[in-house]
């Protein structure tokens, strides 16, 4: 579970509710690298580009993913939150377009990331 900071500076646990998912963007501030190794800043505008993030916490109604999975989502469909000095994103399960995890190796989709 994710940990947050209370008003008095003490830590408290956070429990996600319903179909909500807490994720952190990969790389510093959502930066990404091209296949040639060029660093692309998060502020670069690239049409309707989807983003990858890592699942940190899940609500009890989420069935399609687990913590530590990578998920693909539209950066425009998100709510940002700061927990313990770190920025996270809250998504709904229906806003996730794909899940990437080693445990899915048996699905035989033919696609590998």
PDB file of N, CA and C in Angstrom:
ATOM      1  N   UNK A   1       0.826  -1.192   0.000  1.00  0.00           N
ATOM      2  CA  UNK A   1       0.000   0.000   0.000  1.00  0.00           C
ATOM      3  C   UNK A   1       0.863   1.246   0.000  1.00  0.00           C
ATOM      4  N   UNK A   2       0.348   2.275  -0.567  1.00  0.00           N
ATOM      5  CA  UNK A   2       1.074   3.545  -0.592  1.00  0.00           C
ATOM      6  C   UNK A   2       0.974   4.209   0.768  1.00  0.00           C
ATOM      7  N   UNK A   3       1.991   4.956   1.120  1.00  0.00           N
ATOM      8  CA  UNK A   3       1.996   5.674   2.386  1.00  0.00           C
ATOM      9  C   UNK A   3       1.930   7.158   2.102  1.00  0.00           C
ATOM     10  N   UNK A   4       1.180   7.879   2.926  1.00  0.00           N
ATOM     11  CA  UNK A   4       1.049   9.319   2.751  1.00  0.00           C
ATOM     12  C   UNK A   4       1.458  10.059   4.003  1.00  0.00           C
ATOM     13  N   UNK A   5       1.564  11.356   3.903  1.00  0.00           N
ATOM     14  CA  UNK A   5       1.942  12.175   5.044  1.00  0.00           C
ATOM     15  C   UNK A   5       0.710  12.868   5.597  1.00  0.00           C
ATOM     16  N   UNK A   6       0.529  12.801   6.895  1.00  0.00           N
ATOM     17  CA  UNK A   6      -0.578  13.477   7.550  1.00  0.00           C
ATOM     18  C   UNK A   6      -0.200  14.932   7.781  1.00  0.00           C
ATOM     19  N   UNK A   7      -1.170  15.737   8.199  1.00  0.00           N
ATOM     20  CA  UNK A   7      -0.931  17.158   8.411  1.00  0.00           C
ATOM     21  C   UNK A   7       0.156  17.392   9.453  1.00  0.00           C
ATOM     22  N   UNK A   8       0.252  16.539  10.457  1.00  0.00           N
ATOM     23  CA  UNK A   8       1.238  16.700  11.509  1.00  0.00           C
ATOM     24  C   UNK A   8       2.590  16.115  11.157  1.00  0.00           C
ATOM     25  N   UNK A   9       2.802  15.667   9.917  1.00  0.00           N
ATOM     26  CA  UNK A   9       4.078  15.113   9.516  1.00  0.00           C
ATOM     27  C   UNK A   9       4.194  13.620   9.759  1.00  0.00           C
ATOM     28  N   UNK A  10       3.198  12.995  10.389  1.00  0.00           N
ATOM     29  CA  UNK A  10       3.259  11.558  10.622  1.00  0.00           C
ATOM     30  C   UNK A  10       2.692  10.818   9.424  1.00  0.00           C
ATOM     31  N   UNK A  11       3.196   9.618   9.171  1.00  0.00           N
ATOM     32  CA  UNK A  11       2.772   8.829   8.007  1.00  0.00           C
ATOM     33  C   UNK A  11       1.485   8.079   8.323  1.00  0.00           C
ATOM     34  N   UNK A  12       0.646   7.930   7.286  1.00  0.00           N
ATOM     35  CA  UNK A  12      -0.570   7.145   7.429  1.00  0.00           C
ATOM     36  C   UNK A  12      -0.773   6.318   6.166  1.00  0.00           C
ATOM     37  N   UNK A  13      -1.326   5.118   6.287  1.00  0.00           N
ATOM     38  CA  UNK A  13      -1.548   4.283   5.101  1.00  0.00           C
ATOM     39  C   UNK A  13      -2.688   4.838   4.245  1.00  0.00           C
ATOM     40  N   UNK A  14      -2.621   4.549   2.958  1.00  0.00           N
ATOM     41  CA  UNK A  14      -3.662   4.954   2.015  1.00  0.00           C
ATOM     42  C   UNK A  14      -4.258   3.696   1.404  1.00  0.00           C
ATOM     43  N   UNK A  15      -5.578   3.628   1.390  1.00  0.00           N
ATOM     44  CA  UNK A  15      -6.279   2.500   0.777  1.00  0.00           C
ATOM     45  C   UNK A  15      -7.094   3.039  -0.388  1.00  0.00           C
ATOM     46  N   UNK A  16      -6.823   2.532  -1.585  1.00  0.00           N
ATOM     47  CA  UNK A  16      -7.573   2.950  -2.762  1.00  0.00           C
ATOM     48  C   UNK A  16      -8.964   2.312  -2.700  1.00  0.00           C
ATOM     49  N   UNK A  17      -9.968   3.023  -3.180  1.00  0.00           N
ATOM     50  CA  UNK A  17     -11.344   2.550  -3.123  1.00  0.00           C
ATOM     51  C   UNK A  17     -11.869   2.201  -4.511  1.00  0.00           C
ATOM     52  N   UNK A  18     -12.851   1.324  -4.545  1.00  0.00           N
ATOM     53  CA  UNK A  18     -13.571   0.923  -5.748  1.00  0.00           C
ATOM     54  C   UNK A  18     -12.626   0.496  -6.871  1.00  0.00           C
ATOM     55  N   UNK A  19     -12.752   1.117  -8.044  1.00  0.00           N
ATOM     56  CA  UNK A  19     -11.943   0.714  -9.204  1.00  0.00           C
ATOM     57  C   UNK A  19     -10.781   1.668  -9.443  1.00  0.00           C
ATOM     58  N   UNK A  20     -10.333   2.362  -8.407  1.00  0.00           N
ATOM     59  CA  UNK A  20      -9.253   3.349  -8.547  1.00  0.00           C
ATOM     60  C   UNK A  20      -7.882   2.685  -8.489  1.00  0.00           C
ATOM     61  N   UNK A  21      -6.934   3.263  -9.239  1.00  0.00           N
ATOM     62  CA  UNK A  21      -5.575   2.745  -9.331  1.00  0.00           C
ATOM     63  C   UNK A  21      -4.616   3.907  -9.104  1.00  0.00           C
ATOM     64  N   UNK A  22      -3.634   3.721  -8.240  1.00  0.00           N
ATOM     65  CA  UNK A  22      -2.603   4.721  -7.988  1.00  0.00           C
ATOM     66  C   UNK A  22      -1.355   4.289  -8.742  1.00  0.00           C
ATOM     67  N   UNK A  23      -0.848   5.151  -9.628  1.00  0.00           N
ATOM     68  CA  UNK A  23       0.317   4.817 -10.446  1.00  0.00           C
ATOM     69  C   UNK A  23       1.355   5.926 -10.358  1.00  0.00           C
ATOM     70  N   UNK A  24       2.600   5.552 -10.658  1.00  0.00           N
ATOM     71  CA  UNK A  24       3.660   6.557 -10.775  1.00  0.00           C
ATOM     72  C   UNK A  24       4.207   6.478 -12.186  1.00  0.00           C
ATOM     73  N   UNK A  25       4.457   7.653 -12.774  1.00  0.00           N
ATOM     74  CA  UNK A  25       4.995   7.708 -14.121  1.00  0.00           C
ATOM     75  C   UNK A  25       6.405   7.151 -14.150  1.00  0.00           C
ATOM     76  N   UNK A  26       6.758   6.540 -15.264  1.00  0.00           N
ATOM     77  CA  UNK A  26       8.099   5.999 -15.426  1.00  0.00           C
ATOM     78  C   UNK A  26       9.042   7.114 -15.820  1.00  0.00           C
ATOM     79  N   UNK A  27      10.236   7.099 -15.284  1.00  0.00           N
ATOM     80  CA  UNK A  27      11.223   8.121 -15.596  1.00  0.00           C
ATOM     81  C   UNK A  27      10.936   9.400 -14.830  1.00  0.00           C
ATOM     82  N   UNK A  28      11.898  10.294 -14.790  1.00  0.00           N
ATOM     83  CA  UNK A  28      11.701  11.550 -14.071  1.00  0.00           C
ATOM     84  C   UNK A  28      10.676  12.433 -14.768  1.00  0.00           C
ATOM     85  N   UNK A  29       9.615  12.774 -14.055  1.00  0.00           N
ATOM     86  CA  UNK A  29       8.575  13.674 -14.545  1.00  0.00           C
ATOM     87  C   UNK A  29       7.966  13.232 -15.870  1.00  0.00           C
ATOM     88  N   UNK A  30       7.890  11.932 -16.121  1.00  0.00           N
ATOM     89  CA  UNK A  30       7.260  11.442 -17.336  1.00  0.00           C
ATOM     90  C   UNK A  30       8.114  11.530 -18.573  1.00  0.00           C
ATOM     91  N   UNK A  31       9.417  11.778 -18.429  1.00  0.00           N
ATOM     92  CA  UNK A  31      10.290  11.816 -19.596  1.00  0.00           C
ATOM     93  C   UNK A  31      10.389  10.420 -20.202  1.00  0.00           C
ATOM     94  N   UNK A  32      10.684  10.358 -21.489  1.00  0.00           N
ATOM     95  CA  UNK A  32      10.839   9.062 -22.149  1.00  0.00           C
ATOM     96  C   UNK A  32      11.997   9.147 -23.127  1.00  0.00           C
ATOM     97  N   UNK A  33      12.471   7.986 -23.559  1.00  0.00           N
ATOM     98  CA  UNK A  33      13.578   7.929 -24.526  1.00  0.00           C
ATOM     99  C   UNK A  33      13.078   7.333 -25.825  1.00  0.00           C
ATOM    100  N   UNK A  34      13.612   7.849 -26.923  1.00  0.00           N
ATOM    101  CA  UNK A  34      13.301   7.286 -28.231  1.00  0.00           C
ATOM    102  C   UNK A  34      14.103   6.001 -28.403  1.00  0.00           C
ATOM    103  N   UNK A  35      13.804   5.241 -29.453  1.00  0.00           N
ATOM    104  CA  UNK A  35      14.540   3.999 -29.700  1.00  0.00           C
ATOM    105  C   UNK A  35      16.016   4.264 -29.981  1.00  0.00           C
ATOM    106  N   UNK A  36      16.343   5.483 -30.421  1.00  0.00           N
ATOM    107  CA  UNK A  36      17.730   5.862 -30.674  1.00  0.00           C
ATOM    108  C   UNK A  36      18.442   6.412 -29.451  1.00  0.00           C
ATOM    109  N   UNK A  37      17.738   6.476 -28.310  1.00  0.00           N
ATOM    110  CA  UNK A  37      18.348   6.947 -27.078  1.00  0.00           C
ATOM    111  C   UNK A  37      18.195   8.431 -26.812  1.00  0.00           C
ATOM    112  N   UNK A  38      17.418   9.138 -27.623  1.00  0.00           N
ATOM    113  CA  UNK A  38      17.214  10.572 -27.423  1.00  0.00           C
ATOM    114  C   UNK A  38      16.182  10.779 -26.321  1.00  0.00           C
ATOM    115  N   UNK A  39      16.497  11.628 -25.341  1.00  0.00           N
ATOM    116  CA  UNK A  39      15.595  11.914 -24.239  1.00  0.00           C
ATOM    117  C   UNK A  39      14.531  12.907 -24.695  1.00  0.00           C
ATOM    118  N   UNK A  40      13.251  12.524 -24.535  1.00  0.00           N
ATOM    119  CA  UNK A  40      12.127  13.375 -24.933  1.00  0.00           C
ATOM    120  C   UNK A  40      11.485  13.902 -23.657  1.00  0.00           C
ATOM    121  N   UNK A  41      11.480  15.221 -23.423  1.00  0.00           N
ATOM    122  CA  UNK A  41      10.912  15.766 -22.180  1.00  0.00           C
ATOM    123  C   UNK A  41       9.407  15.561 -22.106  1.00  0.00           C
ATOM    124  N   UNK A  42       8.881  15.545 -20.882  1.00  0.00           N
ATOM    125  CA  UNK A  42       7.450  15.343 -20.663  1.00  0.00           C
ATOM    126  C   UNK A  42       6.627  16.476 -21.259  1.00  0.00           C
ATOM    127  N   UNK A  43       7.233  17.656 -21.430  1.00  0.00           N
ATOM    128  CA  UNK A  43       6.501  18.806 -21.960  1.00  0.00           C
ATOM    129  C   UNK A  43       6.354  18.782 -23.474  1.00  0.00           C
ATOM    130  N   UNK A  44       7.028  17.869 -24.153  1.00  0.00           N
ATOM    131  CA  UNK A  44       6.939  17.786 -25.616  1.00  0.00           C
ATOM    132  C   UNK A  44       5.540  17.352 -26.024  1.00  0.00           C
ATOM    133  N   UNK A  45       4.952  18.079 -26.951  1.00  0.00           N
ATOM    134  CA  UNK A  45       3.614  17.767 -27.428  1.00  0.00           C
ATOM    135  C   UNK A  45       3.694  16.759 -28.567  1.00  0.00           C
ATOM    136  N   UNK A  46       3.078  15.611 -28.384  1.00  0.00           N
ATOM    137  CA  UNK A  46       3.103  14.572 -29.404  1.00  0.00           C
ATOM    138  C   UNK A  46       1.684  14.042 -29.580  1.00  0.00           C
ATOM    139  N   UNK A  47       0.817  14.794 -30.219  1.00  0.00           N
ATOM    140  CA  UNK A  47      -0.533  14.349 -30.534  1.00  0.00           C
ATOM    141  C   UNK A  47      -1.235  13.632 -29.395  1.00  0.00           C
ATOM    142  N   UNK A  48      -1.902  12.568 -29.713  1.00  0.00           N
ATOM    143  CA  UNK A  48      -2.639  11.761 -28.733  1.00  0.00           C
ATOM    144  C   UNK A  48      -1.790  10.584 -28.287  1.00  0.00           C
ATOM    145  N   UNK A  49      -0.658  10.839 -27.671  1.00  0.00           N
ATOM    146  CA  UNK A  49       0.271   9.794 -27.264  1.00  0.00           C
ATOM    147  C   UNK A  49      -0.132   9.238 -25.905  1.00  0.00           C
ATOM    148  N   UNK A  50      -0.167   7.909 -25.792  1.00  0.00           N
ATOM    149  CA  UNK A  50      -0.444   7.257 -24.521  1.00  0.00           C
ATOM    150  C   UNK A  50       0.840   7.153 -23.706  1.00  0.00           C
ATOM    151  N   UNK A  51       0.718   6.979 -22.396  1.00  0.00           N
ATOM    152  CA  UNK A  51       1.881   6.932 -21.506  1.00  0.00           C
ATOM    153  C   UNK A  51       1.868   5.645 -20.687  1.00  0.00           C
ATOM    154  N   UNK A  52       3.067   5.200 -20.274  1.00  0.00           N
ATOM    155  CA  UNK A  52       3.218   4.036 -19.415  1.00  0.00           C
ATOM    156  C   UNK A  52       3.450   4.492 -17.979  1.00  0.00           C
ATOM    157  N   UNK A  53       2.932   3.740 -17.025  1.00  0.00           N
ATOM    158  CA  UNK A  53       3.149   4.022 -15.608  1.00  0.00           C
ATOM    159  C   UNK A  53       3.171   2.699 -14.853  1.00  0.00           C
ATOM    160  N   UNK A  54       3.685   2.723 -13.624  1.00  0.00           N
ATOM    161  CA  UNK A  54       3.750   1.527 -12.792  1.00  0.00           C
ATOM    162  C   UNK A  54       2.687   1.603 -11.710  1.00  0.00           C
ATOM    163  N   UNK A  55       1.951   0.507 -11.513  1.00  0.00           N
ATOM    164  CA  UNK A  55       0.890   0.446 -10.509  1.00  0.00           C
ATOM    165  C   UNK A  55       1.505   0.379  -9.116  1.00  0.00           C
ATOM    166  N   UNK A  56       1.036   1.261  -8.232  1.00  0.00           N
ATOM    167  CA  UNK A  56       1.529   1.328  -6.856  1.00  0.00           C
ATOM    168  C   UNK A  56       0.501   0.753  -5.891  1.00  0.00           C
ATOM    169  N   UNK A  57      -0.787   1.073  -6.097  1.00  0.00           N
ATOM    170  CA  UNK A  57      -1.858   0.590  -5.215  1.00  0.00           C
ATOM    171  C   UNK A  57      -3.135   0.425  -6.023  1.00  0.00           C
ATOM    172  N   UNK A  58      -3.991  -0.491  -5.577  1.00  0.00           N
ATOM    173  CA  UNK A  58      -5.232  -0.813  -6.278  1.00  0.00           C
ATOM    174  C   UNK A  58      -6.417  -0.797  -5.330  1.00  0.00           C
ATOM    175  N   UNK A  59      -7.575  -0.419  -5.856  1.00  0.00           N
ATOM    176  CA  UNK A  59      -8.814  -0.538  -5.104  1.00  0.00           C
ATOM    177  C   UNK A  59      -9.312  -1.974  -5.143  1.00  0.00           C
ATOM    178  N   UNK A  60     -10.242  -2.344  -4.269  1.00  0.00           N
ATOM    179  CA  UNK A  60     -10.711  -3.729  -4.184  1.00  0.00           C
ATOM    180  C   UNK A  60     -11.479  -4.229  -5.406  1.00  0.00           C
ATOM    181  N   UNK A  61     -12.012  -3.340  -6.228  1.00  0.00           N
ATOM    182  CA  UNK A  61     -12.790  -3.755  -7.403  1.00  0.00           C
ATOM    183  C   UNK A  61     -11.936  -3.954  -8.655  1.00  0.00           C
ATOM    184  N   UNK A  62     -10.645  -3.659  -8.599  1.00  0.00           N
ATOM    185  CA  UNK A  62      -9.766  -3.809  -9.765  1.00  0.00           C
ATOM    186  C   UNK A  62      -9.429  -5.283  -9.948  1.00  0.00           C
ATOM    187  N   UNK A  63      -9.708  -5.817 -11.158  1.00  0.00           N
ATOM    188  CA  UNK A  63      -9.500  -7.246 -11.400  1.00  0.00           C
ATOM    189  C   UNK A  63      -8.450  -7.545 -12.454  1.00  0.00           C
ATOM    190  N   UNK A  64      -8.087  -6.575 -13.293  1.00  0.00           N
ATOM    191  CA  UNK A  64      -7.245  -6.844 -14.458  1.00  0.00           C
ATOM    192  C   UNK A  64      -5.763  -6.617 -14.250  1.00  0.00           C
ATOM    193  N   UNK A  65      -5.358  -6.157 -13.088  1.00  0.00           N
ATOM    194  CA  UNK A  65      -3.946  -5.854 -12.869  1.00  0.00           C
ATOM    195  C   UNK A  65      -3.572  -6.037 -11.413  1.00  0.00           C
ATOM    196  N   UNK A  66      -2.264  -6.016 -11.164  1.00  0.00           N
ATOM    197  CA  UNK A  66      -1.719  -6.150  -9.817  1.00  0.00           C
ATOM    198  C   UNK A  66      -0.687  -5.057  -9.598  1.00  0.00           C
ATOM    199  N   UNK A  67      -0.269  -4.842  -8.351  1.00  0.00           N
ATOM    200  CA  UNK A  67       0.775  -3.857  -8.098  1.00  0.00           C
ATOM    201  C   UNK A  67       2.047  -4.291  -8.813  1.00  0.00           C
ATOM    202  N   UNK A  68       2.857  -3.350  -9.196  1.00  0.00           N
ATOM    203  CA  UNK A  68       4.105  -3.521  -9.944  1.00  0.00           C
ATOM    204  C   UNK A  68       3.878  -3.735 -11.443  1.00  0.00           C
ATOM    205  N   UNK A  69       2.641  -3.927 -11.914  1.00  0.00           N
ATOM    206  CA  UNK A  69       2.371  -4.040 -13.346  1.00  0.00           C
ATOM    207  C   UNK A  69       2.604  -2.686 -14.011  1.00  0.00           C
ATOM    208  N   UNK A  70       2.909  -2.711 -15.307  1.00  0.00           N
ATOM    209  CA  UNK A  70       2.979  -1.487 -16.102  1.00  0.00           C
ATOM    210  C   UNK A  70       1.654  -1.347 -16.828  1.00  0.00           C
ATOM    211  N   UNK A  71       1.110  -0.131 -16.854  1.00  0.00           N
ATOM    212  CA  UNK A  71      -0.169   0.107 -17.511  1.00  0.00           C
ATOM    213  C   UNK A  71      -0.042   1.242 -18.516  1.00  0.00           C
ATOM    214  N   UNK A  72      -0.821   1.145 -19.575  1.00  0.00           N
ATOM    215  CA  UNK A  72      -0.837   2.139 -20.642  1.00  0.00           C
ATOM    216  C   UNK A  72      -2.131   2.939 -20.520  1.00  0.00           C
ATOM    217  N   UNK A  73      -2.014   4.281 -20.485  1.00  0.00           N
ATOM    218  CA  UNK A  73      -3.194   5.117 -20.298  1.00  0.00           C
ATOM    219  C   UNK A  73      -3.042   6.428 -21.059  1.00  0.00           C
ATOM    220  N   UNK A  74      -4.143   7.144 -21.213  1.00  0.00           N
ATOM    221  CA  UNK A  74      -4.150   8.450 -21.855  1.00  0.00           C
ATOM    222  C   UNK A  74      -3.816   9.499 -20.790  1.00  0.00           C
ATOM    223  N   UNK A  75      -2.737  10.252 -20.945  1.00  0.00           N
ATOM    224  CA  UNK A  75      -2.355  11.239 -19.930  1.00  0.00           C
ATOM    225  C   UNK A  75      -3.407  12.318 -19.678  1.00  0.00           C
ATOM    226  N   UNK A  76      -4.349  12.499 -20.603  1.00  0.00           N
ATOM    227  CA  UNK A  76      -5.403  13.493 -20.398  1.00  0.00           C
ATOM    228  C   UNK A  76      -6.483  12.997 -19.452  1.00  0.00           C
ATOM    229  N   UNK A  77      -6.611  11.680 -19.239  1.00  0.00           N
ATOM    230  CA  UNK A  77      -7.637  11.092 -18.369  1.00  0.00           C
ATOM    231  C   UNK A  77      -7.055  10.774 -17.003  1.00  0.00           C
ATOM    232  N   UNK A  78      -6.629  11.785 -16.256  1.00  0.00           N
ATOM    233  CA  UNK A  78      -5.969  11.491 -14.992  1.00  0.00           C
ATOM    234  C   UNK A  78      -6.188  12.581 -13.961  1.00  0.00           C
ATOM    235  N   UNK A  79      -5.990  12.187 -12.712  1.00  0.00           N
ATOM    236  CA  UNK A  79      -5.981  13.116 -11.584  1.00  0.00           C
ATOM    237  C   UNK A  79      -4.630  12.971 -10.905  1.00  0.00           C
ATOM    238  N   UNK A  80      -3.960  14.083 -10.673  1.00  0.00           N
ATOM    239  CA  UNK A  80      -2.647  14.042 -10.033  1.00  0.00           C
ATOM    240  C   UNK A  80      -2.796  14.293  -8.541  1.00  0.00           C
ATOM    241  N   UNK A  81      -1.936  13.639  -7.758  1.00  0.00           N
ATOM    242  CA  UNK A  81      -1.954  13.800  -6.309  1.00  0.00           C
ATOM    243  C   UNK A  81      -0.521  13.689  -5.794  1.00  0.00           C
ATOM    244  N   UNK A  82      -0.211  14.424  -4.742  1.00  0.00           N
ATOM    245  CA  UNK A  82       1.098  14.332  -4.104  1.00  0.00           C
ATOM    246  C   UNK A  82       0.935  13.570  -2.798  1.00  0.00           C
ATOM    247  N   UNK A  83       1.737  12.529  -2.643  1.00  0.00           N
ATOM    248  CA  UNK A  83       1.697  11.698  -1.432  1.00  0.00           C
ATOM    249  C   UNK A  83       3.126  11.567  -0.925  1.00  0.00           C
ATOM    250  N   UNK A  84       3.368  12.030   0.277  1.00  0.00           N
ATOM    251  CA  UNK A  84       4.698  11.913   0.869  1.00  0.00           C
ATOM    252  C   UNK A  84       5.778  12.598   0.052  1.00  0.00           C
ATOM    253  N   UNK A  85       5.447  13.714  -0.602  1.00  0.00           N
ATOM    254  CA  UNK A  85       6.426  14.446  -1.388  1.00  0.00           C
ATOM    255  C   UNK A  85       6.654  13.918  -2.789  1.00  0.00           C
ATOM    256  N   UNK A  86       5.939  12.859  -3.194  1.00  0.00           N
ATOM    257  CA  UNK A  86       6.072  12.297  -4.546  1.00  0.00           C
ATOM    258  C   UNK A  86       4.761  12.466  -5.292  1.00  0.00           C
ATOM    259  N   UNK A  87       4.858  12.674  -6.591  1.00  0.00           N
ATOM    260  CA  UNK A  87       3.670  12.840  -7.421  1.00  0.00           C
ATOM    261  C   UNK A  87       3.195  11.490  -7.949  1.00  0.00           C
ATOM    262  N   UNK A  88       1.893  11.262  -7.847  1.00  0.00           N
ATOM    263  CA  UNK A  88       1.258  10.048  -8.349  1.00  0.00           C
ATOM    264  C   UNK A  88       0.050  10.451  -9.186  1.00  0.00           C
ATOM    265  N   UNK A  89      -0.496   9.485  -9.890  1.00  0.00           N
ATOM    266  CA  UNK A  89      -1.681   9.695 -10.708  1.00  0.00           C
ATOM    267  C   UNK A  89      -2.740   8.689 -10.277  1.00  0.00           C
ATOM    268  N   UNK A  90      -3.983   9.153 -10.193  1.00  0.00           N
ATOM    269  CA  UNK A  90      -5.104   8.267  -9.876  1.00  0.00           C
ATOM    270  C   UNK A  90      -5.903   8.057 -11.155  1.00  0.00           C
ATOM    271  N   UNK A  91      -6.135   6.790 -11.490  1.00  0.00           N
ATOM    272  CA  UNK A  91      -6.886   6.415 -12.684  1.00  0.00           C
ATOM    273  C   UNK A  91      -8.018   5.478 -12.303  1.00  0.00           C
ATOM    274  N   UNK A  92      -8.974   5.306 -13.191  1.00  0.00           N
ATOM    275  CA  UNK A  92      -9.996   4.270 -13.049  1.00  0.00           C
ATOM    276  C   UNK A  92      -9.570   3.082 -13.899  1.00  0.00           C
ATOM    277  N   UNK A  93     -10.021   1.904 -13.528  1.00  0.00           N
ATOM    278  CA  UNK A  93      -9.646   0.713 -14.297  1.00  0.00           C
ATOM    279  C   UNK A  93     -10.074   0.842 -15.755  1.00  0.00           C
ATOM    280  N   UNK A  94     -11.196   1.451 -16.005  1.00  0.00           N
ATOM    281  CA  UNK A  94     -11.682   1.574 -17.387  1.00  0.00           C
ATOM    282  C   UNK A  94     -10.834   2.524 -18.229  1.00  0.00           C
ATOM    283  N   UNK A  95      -9.986   3.352 -17.591  1.00  0.00           N
ATOM    284  CA  UNK A  95      -9.114   4.266 -18.316  1.00  0.00           C
ATOM    285  C   UNK A  95      -7.804   3.614 -18.764  1.00  0.00           C
ATOM    286  N   UNK A  96      -7.572   2.366 -18.370  1.00  0.00           N
ATOM    287  CA  UNK A  96      -6.358   1.646 -18.724  1.00  0.00           C
ATOM    288  C   UNK A  96      -6.566   0.966 -20.075  1.00  0.00           C
ATOM    289  N   UNK A  97      -5.617   1.158 -21.000  1.00  0.00           N
ATOM    290  CA  UNK A  97      -5.716   0.571 -22.339  1.00  0.00           C
ATOM    291  C   UNK A  97      -5.003  -0.773 -22.453  1.00  0.00           C
ATOM    292  N   UNK A  98      -3.942  -0.982 -21.655  1.00  0.00           N
ATOM    293  CA  UNK A  98      -3.188  -2.233 -21.721  1.00  0.00           C
ATOM    294  C   UNK A  98      -2.428  -2.429 -20.416  1.00  0.00           C
ATOM    295  N   UNK A  99      -2.116  -3.703 -20.136  1.00  0.00           N
ATOM    296  CA  UNK A  99      -1.332  -4.070 -18.954  1.00  0.00           C
ATOM    297  C   UNK A  99      -0.144  -4.894 -19.429  1.00  0.00           C
ATOM    298  N   UNK A 100       1.046  -4.589 -18.912  1.00  0.00           N
ATOM    299  CA  UNK A 100       2.254  -5.352 -19.239  1.00  0.00           C
ATOM    300  C   UNK A 100       2.820  -5.911 -17.935  1.00  0.00           C
ATOM    301  N   UNK A 101       2.964  -7.240 -17.879  1.00  0.00           N
ATOM    302  CA  UNK A 101       3.505  -7.894 -16.689  1.00  0.00           C
ATOM    303  C   UNK A 101       4.071  -9.246 -17.087  1.00  0.00           C
ATOM    304  N   UNK A 102       5.137  -9.688 -16.391  1.00  0.00           N
ATOM    305  CA  UNK A 102       5.740 -10.993 -16.688  1.00  0.00           C
ATOM    306  C   UNK A 102       4.751 -12.126 -16.467  1.00  0.00           C
ATOM    307  N   UNK A 103       3.825 -11.979 -15.529  1.00  0.00           N
ATOM    308  CA  UNK A 103       2.864 -13.048 -15.235  1.00  0.00           C
ATOM    309  C   UNK A 103       1.898 -13.293 -16.388  1.00  0.00           C
ATOM    310  N   UNK A 104       1.862 -12.406 -17.377  1.00  0.00           N
ATOM    311  CA  UNK A 104       0.970 -12.551 -18.526  1.00  0.00           C
ATOM    312  C   UNK A 104       1.608 -13.310 -19.678  1.00  0.00           C
ATOM    313  N   UNK A 105       2.784 -13.911 -19.461  1.00  0.00           N
ATOM    314  CA  UNK A 105       3.517 -14.611 -20.519  1.00  0.00           C
ATOM    315  C   UNK A 105       2.708 -15.704 -21.194  1.00  0.00           C
ATOM    316  N   UNK A 106       1.723 -16.286 -20.527  1.00  0.00           N
ATOM    317  CA  UNK A 106       0.964 -17.400 -21.082  1.00  0.00           C
ATOM    318  C   UNK A 106      -0.162 -16.963 -22.008  1.00  0.00           C
ATOM    319  N   UNK A 107      -0.345 -15.652 -22.186  1.00  0.00           N
ATOM    320  CA  UNK A 107      -1.481 -15.178 -22.976  1.00  0.00           C
ATOM    321  C   UNK A 107      -1.276 -15.341 -24.488  1.00  0.00           C
ATOM    322  N   UNK A 108      -0.015 -15.480 -24.957  1.00  0.00           N
ATOM    323  CA  UNK A 108       0.298 -15.720 -26.366  1.00  0.00           C
ATOM    324  C   UNK A 108      -0.316 -14.681 -27.316  1.00  0.00           C
ATOM    325  N   UNK A 109      -0.152 -13.401 -27.003  1.00  0.00           N
ATOM    326  CA  UNK A 109      -0.676 -12.361 -27.884  1.00  0.00           C
ATOM    327  C   UNK A 109       0.247 -12.083 -29.052  1.00  0.00           C
ATOM    328  N   UNK A 110       1.532 -12.470 -28.913  1.00  0.00           N
ATOM    329  CA  UNK A 110       2.485 -12.194 -29.963  1.00  0.00           C
ATOM    330  C   UNK A 110       3.148 -10.843 -29.828  1.00  0.00           C
ATOM    331  N   UNK A 111       2.766 -10.048 -28.826  1.00  0.00           N
ATOM    332  CA  UNK A 111       3.346  -8.729 -28.598  1.00  0.00           C
ATOM    333  C   UNK A 111       4.216  -8.766 -27.356  1.00  0.00           C
ATOM    334  N   UNK A 112       5.370  -8.152 -27.420  1.00  0.00           N
ATOM    335  CA  UNK A 112       6.281  -8.126 -26.271  1.00  0.00           C
ATOM    336  C   UNK A 112       6.843  -6.731 -26.106  1.00  0.00           C
ATOM    337  N   UNK A 113       6.948  -6.276 -24.872  1.00  0.00           N
ATOM    338  CA  UNK A 113       7.471  -4.924 -24.598  1.00  0.00           C
ATOM    339  C   UNK A 113       8.798  -5.024 -23.906  1.00  0.00           C
TER     340      UNK A 113
END
